[in-house]
Amino acid sequence: MPRRFRNATGPAVRRLRMERALTQDQLAARLVLAGLGNADRVWVAKVETRIRSVYDFELAVIAAVLGVTADELLPGGKELKRDLPALNEGER
């Protein structure tokens, strides 16, 4: 059974959160303060594990909170090409 992903940014979000020594709760709190009122620890965990889709406006807020550009949250072409079938199958 192929892996099913709902977003391509999860691994980068997790890596950047950990580089900044933030817990999932801390990141969620910063996201709420930045305007994503529905973010909590479970929300962050689902994004990081690629279970939850990420809307474009959420991507922009996540990037701003982590101090990077949205491009830095997206995987490179080779990685995206590898994961594309699983991302497509993750659609519901």
N, C-alpha and C. Protein backbone atom coordinates (compact mmCIF):
# COMPACT_ATOMS: atom_id res chain seq x y z
N MET A 1 0.84 -1.18 0.00
CA MET A 1 0.00 0.00 0.00
C MET A 1 0.89 1.25 0.00
N PRO A 2 0.67 2.17 -0.93
CA PRO A 2 1.51 3.36 -1.00
C PRO A 2 1.23 4.30 0.16
N ARG A 3 2.23 5.12 0.47
CA ARG A 3 2.04 6.14 1.50
C ARG A 3 1.06 7.16 0.96
N ARG A 4 0.22 7.71 1.83
CA ARG A 4 -0.73 8.74 1.42
C ARG A 4 -0.42 10.01 2.19
N PHE A 5 -0.15 11.06 1.47
CA PHE A 5 0.18 12.34 2.07
C PHE A 5 -0.89 13.36 1.73
N ARG A 6 -1.11 14.31 2.62
CA ARG A 6 -2.06 15.38 2.36
C ARG A 6 -1.35 16.71 2.14
N ASN A 7 -0.04 16.78 2.41
CA ASN A 7 0.70 18.01 2.14
C ASN A 7 2.15 17.67 1.88
N ALA A 8 2.86 18.60 1.28
CA ALA A 8 4.28 18.38 0.96
C ALA A 8 5.20 19.13 1.91
N THR A 9 4.63 19.91 2.82
CA THR A 9 5.44 20.80 3.66
C THR A 9 5.75 20.26 5.05
N GLY A 10 5.07 19.21 5.45
CA GLY A 10 5.19 18.70 6.82
C GLY A 10 6.60 18.48 7.31
N PRO A 11 7.45 17.78 6.57
CA PRO A 11 8.81 17.55 7.05
C PRO A 11 9.60 18.84 7.29
N ALA A 12 9.41 19.83 6.44
CA ALA A 12 10.12 21.10 6.62
C ALA A 12 9.60 21.84 7.85
N VAL A 13 8.30 21.80 8.06
CA VAL A 13 7.73 22.45 9.25
C VAL A 13 8.32 21.82 10.51
N ARG A 14 8.36 20.50 10.54
CA ARG A 14 8.92 19.81 11.71
C ARG A 14 10.40 20.15 11.91
N ARG A 15 11.16 20.10 10.83
CA ARG A 15 12.60 20.38 10.93
C ARG A 15 12.85 21.80 11.44
N LEU A 16 12.14 22.77 10.89
CA LEU A 16 12.33 24.15 11.29
C LEU A 16 11.86 24.39 12.73
N ARG A 17 10.75 23.76 13.10
CA ARG A 17 10.27 23.89 14.49
C ARG A 17 11.31 23.37 15.46
N MET A 18 11.89 22.22 15.14
CA MET A 18 12.88 21.62 16.03
C MET A 18 14.18 22.44 16.04
N GLU A 19 14.58 22.98 14.90
CA GLU A 19 15.78 23.84 14.85
C GLU A 19 15.61 25.06 15.75
N ARG A 20 14.38 25.51 15.90
CA ARG A 20 14.10 26.68 16.72
C ARG A 20 13.76 26.30 18.17
N ALA A 21 13.91 25.02 18.48
CA ALA A 21 13.67 24.49 19.83
C ALA A 21 12.27 24.82 20.33
N LEU A 22 11.29 24.67 19.43
CA LEU A 22 9.90 24.90 19.79
C LEU A 22 9.19 23.56 19.94
N THR A 23 8.30 23.47 20.91
CA THR A 23 7.43 22.31 21.00
C THR A 23 6.27 22.53 20.03
N GLN A 24 5.51 21.48 19.79
CA GLN A 24 4.33 21.64 18.94
C GLN A 24 3.34 22.60 19.57
N ASP A 25 3.20 22.55 20.90
CA ASP A 25 2.32 23.50 21.60
C ASP A 25 2.78 24.94 21.43
N GLN A 26 4.08 25.16 21.52
CA GLN A 26 4.61 26.52 21.37
C GLN A 26 4.39 27.05 19.95
N LEU A 27 4.63 26.20 18.96
CA LEU A 27 4.39 26.62 17.58
C LEU A 27 2.91 26.91 17.39
N ALA A 28 2.05 26.06 17.90
CA ALA A 28 0.61 26.26 17.77
C ALA A 28 0.20 27.59 18.40
N ALA A 29 0.73 27.92 19.56
CA ALA A 29 0.40 29.18 20.23
C ALA A 29 0.82 30.37 19.37
N ARG A 30 1.99 30.29 18.77
CA ARG A 30 2.46 31.37 17.91
C ARG A 30 1.60 31.50 16.66
N LEU A 31 1.15 30.35 16.14
CA LEU A 31 0.27 30.38 14.97
C LEU A 31 -1.08 31.01 15.31
N VAL A 32 -1.60 30.72 16.49
CA VAL A 32 -2.86 31.33 16.92
C VAL A 32 -2.69 32.84 17.04
N LEU A 33 -1.60 33.27 17.67
CA LEU A 33 -1.34 34.71 17.80
C LEU A 33 -1.19 35.39 16.43
N ALA A 34 -0.72 34.63 15.44
CA ALA A 34 -0.54 35.16 14.09
C ALA A 34 -1.82 35.10 13.26
N GLY A 35 -2.89 34.53 13.82
CA GLY A 35 -4.16 34.54 13.12
C GLY A 35 -4.78 33.21 12.77
N LEU A 36 -4.07 32.11 13.01
CA LEU A 36 -4.64 30.78 12.73
C LEU A 36 -5.31 30.26 14.00
N GLY A 37 -6.52 30.72 14.23
CA GLY A 37 -7.23 30.42 15.47
C GLY A 37 -7.50 28.95 15.72
N ASN A 38 -7.48 28.12 14.70
CA ASN A 38 -7.77 26.70 14.87
C ASN A 38 -6.52 25.86 15.14
N ALA A 39 -5.36 26.48 15.19
CA ALA A 39 -4.11 25.72 15.40
C ALA A 39 -3.98 25.31 16.86
N ASP A 40 -3.67 24.04 17.06
CA ASP A 40 -3.33 23.53 18.38
C ASP A 40 -2.26 22.45 18.18
N ARG A 41 -1.85 21.79 19.25
CA ARG A 41 -0.78 20.80 19.14
C ARG A 41 -1.15 19.69 18.15
N VAL A 42 -2.37 19.22 18.19
CA VAL A 42 -2.81 18.16 17.28
C VAL A 42 -2.78 18.64 15.83
N TRP A 43 -3.20 19.87 15.61
CA TRP A 43 -3.17 20.47 14.27
C TRP A 43 -1.74 20.47 13.73
N VAL A 44 -0.80 20.94 14.57
CA VAL A 44 0.62 20.97 14.16
C VAL A 44 1.11 19.55 13.89
N ALA A 45 0.78 18.62 14.75
CA ALA A 45 1.22 17.23 14.57
C ALA A 45 0.70 16.65 13.26
N LYS A 46 -0.54 16.94 12.93
CA LYS A 46 -1.12 16.42 11.68
C LYS A 46 -0.47 17.05 10.46
N VAL A 47 -0.12 18.33 10.55
CA VAL A 47 0.59 18.98 9.45
C VAL A 47 1.96 18.33 9.29
N GLU A 48 2.69 18.19 10.40
CA GLU A 48 4.04 17.64 10.34
C GLU A 48 4.08 16.21 9.83
N THR A 49 3.08 15.43 10.14
CA THR A 49 3.04 14.03 9.70
C THR A 49 2.31 13.89 8.36
N ARG A 50 1.96 15.02 7.77
CA ARG A 50 1.37 15.08 6.44
C ARG A 50 -0.02 14.47 6.36
N ILE A 51 -0.70 14.41 7.48
CA ILE A 51 -2.06 13.88 7.53
C ILE A 51 -3.06 14.96 7.14
N ARG A 52 -2.77 16.20 7.49
CA ARG A 52 -3.67 17.32 7.24
C ARG A 52 -3.18 18.16 6.05
N SER A 53 -4.12 18.55 5.22
CA SER A 53 -3.78 19.47 4.12
C SER A 53 -3.44 20.83 4.70
N VAL A 54 -2.65 21.59 3.97
CA VAL A 54 -2.30 22.95 4.36
C VAL A 54 -2.77 23.89 3.26
N TYR A 55 -3.63 24.84 3.64
CA TYR A 55 -4.11 25.83 2.68
C TYR A 55 -3.02 26.86 2.43
N ASP A 56 -3.12 27.54 1.30
CA ASP A 56 -2.09 28.51 0.94
C ASP A 56 -1.95 29.61 1.99
N PHE A 57 -3.04 30.11 2.55
CA PHE A 57 -2.93 31.16 3.55
C PHE A 57 -2.29 30.63 4.84
N GLU A 58 -2.53 29.35 5.15
CA GLU A 58 -1.88 28.75 6.32
C GLU A 58 -0.39 28.60 6.09
N LEU A 59 -0.01 28.24 4.87
CA LEU A 59 1.40 28.11 4.53
C LEU A 59 2.12 29.45 4.73
N ALA A 60 1.48 30.53 4.32
CA ALA A 60 2.08 31.86 4.47
C ALA A 60 2.27 32.21 5.95
N VAL A 61 1.29 31.89 6.78
CA VAL A 61 1.38 32.20 8.21
C VAL A 61 2.44 31.32 8.88
N ILE A 62 2.45 30.03 8.55
CA ILE A 62 3.46 29.12 9.12
C ILE A 62 4.86 29.62 8.77
N ALA A 63 5.06 29.98 7.52
CA ALA A 63 6.37 30.47 7.08
C ALA A 63 6.75 31.72 7.86
N ALA A 64 5.84 32.67 8.00
CA ALA A 64 6.13 33.91 8.72
C ALA A 64 6.49 33.63 10.18
N VAL A 65 5.74 32.76 10.81
CA VAL A 65 6.00 32.43 12.22
C VAL A 65 7.36 31.76 12.38
N LEU A 66 7.74 30.92 11.42
CA LEU A 66 9.03 30.24 11.49
C LEU A 66 10.17 31.09 10.95
N GLY A 67 9.84 32.25 10.40
CA GLY A 67 10.87 33.17 9.91
C GLY A 67 11.52 32.76 8.62
N VAL A 68 10.75 32.12 7.75
CA VAL A 68 11.25 31.68 6.44
C VAL A 68 10.26 32.10 5.37
N THR A 69 10.63 31.90 4.12
CA THR A 69 9.68 32.13 3.03
C THR A 69 8.87 30.86 2.81
N ALA A 70 7.72 31.01 2.18
CA ALA A 70 6.90 29.84 1.87
C ALA A 70 7.67 28.84 1.01
N ASP A 71 8.52 29.34 0.11
CA ASP A 71 9.33 28.46 -0.75
C ASP A 71 10.20 27.52 0.07
N GLU A 72 10.68 28.00 1.21
CA GLU A 72 11.56 27.18 2.04
C GLU A 72 10.83 26.03 2.73
N LEU A 73 9.50 26.08 2.74
CA LEU A 73 8.72 24.99 3.30
C LEU A 73 8.38 23.92 2.27
N LEU A 74 8.58 24.26 1.01
CA LEU A 74 8.25 23.32 -0.06
C LEU A 74 9.46 22.45 -0.42
N PRO A 75 9.21 21.19 -0.73
CA PRO A 75 10.33 20.31 -1.09
C PRO A 75 10.88 20.65 -2.47
N GLY A 76 12.10 20.20 -2.72
CA GLY A 76 12.72 20.37 -4.03
C GLY A 76 12.05 19.50 -5.07
N GLY A 77 12.38 19.75 -6.32
CA GLY A 77 11.75 19.04 -7.43
C GLY A 77 11.90 17.54 -7.38
N LYS A 78 13.09 17.05 -7.02
CA LYS A 78 13.32 15.61 -6.99
C LYS A 78 12.48 14.94 -5.89
N GLU A 79 12.45 15.55 -4.74
CA GLU A 79 11.67 15.01 -3.62
C GLU A 79 10.18 15.08 -3.93
N LEU A 80 9.73 16.18 -4.50
CA LEU A 80 8.32 16.32 -4.83
C LEU A 80 7.90 15.31 -5.90
N LYS A 81 8.77 15.10 -6.89
CA LYS A 81 8.45 14.13 -7.94
C LYS A 81 8.30 12.73 -7.34
N ARG A 82 9.17 12.38 -6.39
CA ARG A 82 9.10 11.08 -5.73
C ARG A 82 7.78 10.91 -4.97
N ASP A 83 7.33 11.99 -4.30
CA ASP A 83 6.16 11.90 -3.45
C ASP A 83 4.84 12.24 -4.16
N LEU A 84 4.91 12.72 -5.39
CA LEU A 84 3.71 13.17 -6.09
C LEU A 84 2.61 12.12 -6.17
N PRO A 85 2.90 10.86 -6.50
CA PRO A 85 1.81 9.88 -6.54
C PRO A 85 1.10 9.73 -5.20
N ALA A 86 1.86 9.72 -4.10
CA ALA A 86 1.25 9.59 -2.79
C ALA A 86 0.45 10.84 -2.43
N LEU A 87 0.94 12.00 -2.84
CA LEU A 87 0.19 13.24 -2.60
C LEU A 87 -1.12 13.22 -3.38
N ASN A 88 -1.09 12.77 -4.63
CA ASN A 88 -2.31 12.68 -5.42
C ASN A 88 -3.30 11.71 -4.81
N GLU A 89 -2.84 10.59 -4.31
CA GLU A 89 -3.72 9.60 -3.71
C GLU A 89 -4.26 10.05 -2.37
N GLY A 90 -3.63 11.04 -1.76
CA GLY A 90 -4.10 11.56 -0.48
C GLY A 90 -5.34 12.42 -0.61
N GLU A 91 -5.71 12.77 -1.83
CA GLU A 91 -6.91 13.58 -2.05
C GLU A 91 -8.15 12.81 -1.66
N ARG A 92 -9.10 13.51 -1.12
CA ARG A 92 -10.39 12.89 -0.78
C ARG A 92 -11.51 13.68 -1.37
